[in-house]
Amino acid sequence: MVASVESAALWAADTLLSRLEGPVRVKVLAAFVAMVILGIGLMLLTFLGARVTRRYMAIGEDRRRLRPPADDDWLIAAREARQTAEQDAAEGDDP
């Protein structure tokens, strides 16, 4: 069954191309080759883009691991409020 499908496909392709005139046949084959090259190029571009994205993401993770967290304004205010509350509680406990 597979051999008959392959032979039928080859026969159909052969007859379609053989029906065309010489310059038109060359244009059709050139267009087919151009589509194949374009498809391979798109796959290669996608592969390279994924590699660049993974490397970029990995660099960001390394930077986040090595750098200590930054003190934001709300963090500083919360820390000061907690320290004053602890001091007030410590002063209230001492007679």
Foldseek 3Di string as FASTA:
>chain_A
DVVVVVVVVVVVVVVVLVVDDDVVSVVVVVVVVVVVVVVVVVVVVVVVVVVVVVVVVVVVVVVVVVDDDDQDPVNVVVVVVVVVVVVVVVVVVPD
